[in-house]
């Protein structure tokens, strides 16, 4: 059960990257991952063209500023998805998302 500021009935859109990261923990029983996420009120949300283009723009800015190989496209896809299709992002990497996704509400444990 999710407690505190993250209520169990809160709907948190997740894209394919997030679902894949969770499902891998379930090994071959990925159906159990879908069941668990659904039980928590987490819904799958496919990325829009707008989100993908926002990711490309932000990743381009990162690379232009001399960003190295530490960051990959997935980092920017997650941020852009949250910015354009959600109301917040739960992450431990506040610095990246605050720098490249202005206006994104960030929650950090």
Protein backbone atom coordinates (compact mmCIF):
# COMPACT_ATOMS: atom_id res chain seq x y z
CA UNK A 1 0.00 0.00 0.00
CA UNK A 2 1.20 3.49 -0.80
CA UNK A 3 1.08 5.85 2.15
CA UNK A 4 1.70 9.50 2.94
CA UNK A 5 1.42 11.95 0.09
CA UNK A 6 1.10 9.16 -2.47
CA UNK A 7 -2.35 7.66 -1.97
CA UNK A 8 -3.13 4.15 -3.20
CA UNK A 9 -5.99 5.41 -5.36
CA UNK A 10 -3.88 8.03 -7.11
CA UNK A 11 -3.77 7.54 -10.89
CA UNK A 12 -0.24 7.78 -12.16
CA UNK A 13 0.16 7.44 -15.92
CA UNK A 14 3.13 5.27 -16.81
CA UNK A 15 4.62 4.77 -20.22
CA UNK A 16 6.14 1.63 -21.69
CA UNK A 17 9.53 2.40 -20.15
CA UNK A 18 8.15 2.53 -16.64
CA UNK A 19 6.01 -0.56 -17.10
CA UNK A 20 8.99 -2.48 -18.50
CA UNK A 21 11.18 -1.45 -15.55
CA UNK A 22 8.58 -2.76 -13.10
CA UNK A 23 7.64 -5.87 -15.06
CA UNK A 24 11.22 -7.11 -15.31
CA UNK A 25 11.16 -7.72 -11.55
CA UNK A 26 8.39 -10.26 -12.14
CA UNK A 27 10.46 -12.31 -14.58
CA UNK A 28 8.28 -14.58 -16.67
CA UNK A 29 5.14 -13.70 -14.68
CA UNK A 30 4.61 -10.29 -16.30
CA UNK A 31 0.86 -10.73 -16.01
CA UNK A 32 1.38 -10.41 -12.24
CA UNK A 33 3.11 -7.06 -12.82
CA UNK A 34 0.11 -5.80 -14.78
CA UNK A 35 -2.20 -7.02 -12.02
CA UNK A 36 -0.11 -5.34 -9.29
CA UNK A 37 0.12 -2.01 -11.13
CA UNK A 38 -3.59 -2.07 -11.89
CA UNK A 39 -4.41 -2.85 -8.25
CA UNK A 40 -2.40 0.24 -7.24
CA UNK A 41 -4.37 2.41 -9.67
CA UNK A 42 -1.45 2.88 -12.04
CA UNK A 43 -2.64 3.08 -15.62
CA UNK A 44 -0.68 2.59 -18.82
CA UNK A 45 -0.46 5.73 -20.92
CA UNK A 46 1.08 5.54 -24.38
CA UNK A 47 3.36 8.42 -25.29
CA UNK A 48 2.02 11.02 -27.67
CA UNK A 49 3.89 12.54 -30.57
CA UNK A 50 4.11 15.76 -28.53
CA UNK A 51 5.87 13.91 -25.69
CA UNK A 52 8.33 12.27 -28.07
CA UNK A 53 9.19 15.59 -29.71
CA UNK A 54 9.63 17.24 -26.29
CA UNK A 55 12.03 14.43 -25.35
CA UNK A 56 14.04 14.96 -28.53
CA UNK A 57 14.23 18.71 -27.90
CA UNK A 58 15.38 18.26 -24.31
CA UNK A 59 17.91 15.56 -25.17
CA UNK A 60 19.29 17.76 -27.96
CA UNK A 61 19.72 20.63 -25.48
CA UNK A 62 21.50 18.29 -23.04
CA UNK A 63 23.91 17.10 -25.75
CA UNK A 64 24.49 20.63 -27.06
CA UNK A 65 25.49 21.72 -23.53
CA UNK A 66 28.15 19.01 -23.51
CA UNK A 67 26.15 16.26 -21.85
CA UNK A 68 27.93 12.96 -21.91
CA UNK A 69 26.85 9.40 -22.38
CA UNK A 70 25.66 9.17 -18.77
CA UNK A 71 22.15 10.07 -19.95
CA UNK A 72 20.23 8.06 -22.50
CA UNK A 73 17.11 8.76 -24.53
CA UNK A 74 14.93 6.91 -22.00
CA UNK A 75 15.68 9.54 -19.33
CA UNK A 76 14.31 12.24 -21.60
CA UNK A 77 11.33 10.17 -22.75
CA UNK A 78 10.30 9.70 -19.11
CA UNK A 79 10.59 13.42 -18.37
CA UNK A 80 8.73 14.49 -21.49
CA UNK A 81 5.97 11.98 -20.88
CA UNK A 82 5.48 13.30 -17.35
CA UNK A 83 5.57 16.92 -18.49
CA UNK A 84 3.05 16.55 -21.29
CA UNK A 85 0.78 13.76 -20.05
CA UNK A 86 0.89 13.76 -16.27
CA UNK A 87 0.80 16.18 -13.37
CA UNK A 88 4.06 15.09 -11.71
CA UNK A 89 7.03 12.74 -11.76
CA UNK A 90 8.23 10.58 -8.90
CA UNK A 91 12.02 10.43 -9.16
CA UNK A 92 15.24 10.49 -7.18
CA UNK A 93 16.96 12.40 -10.00
CA UNK A 94 15.55 15.86 -9.34
CA UNK A 95 18.44 17.72 -10.96
CA UNK A 96 18.01 16.31 -14.47
CA UNK A 97 14.26 16.78 -14.60
CA UNK A 98 14.29 20.27 -13.08
CA UNK A 99 16.97 21.37 -15.53
CA UNK A 100 15.44 20.04 -18.74
CA UNK A 101 11.70 19.97 -18.02
CA UNK A 102 10.70 23.39 -16.73
CA UNK A 103 7.27 23.38 -15.16
CA UNK A 104 7.31 19.66 -14.33
CA UNK A 105 6.17 19.00 -10.77
CA UNK A 106 8.67 16.65 -9.16
CA UNK A 107 8.08 14.44 -6.15
CA UNK A 108 11.13 12.92 -4.53
CA UNK A 109 11.17 10.35 -1.71
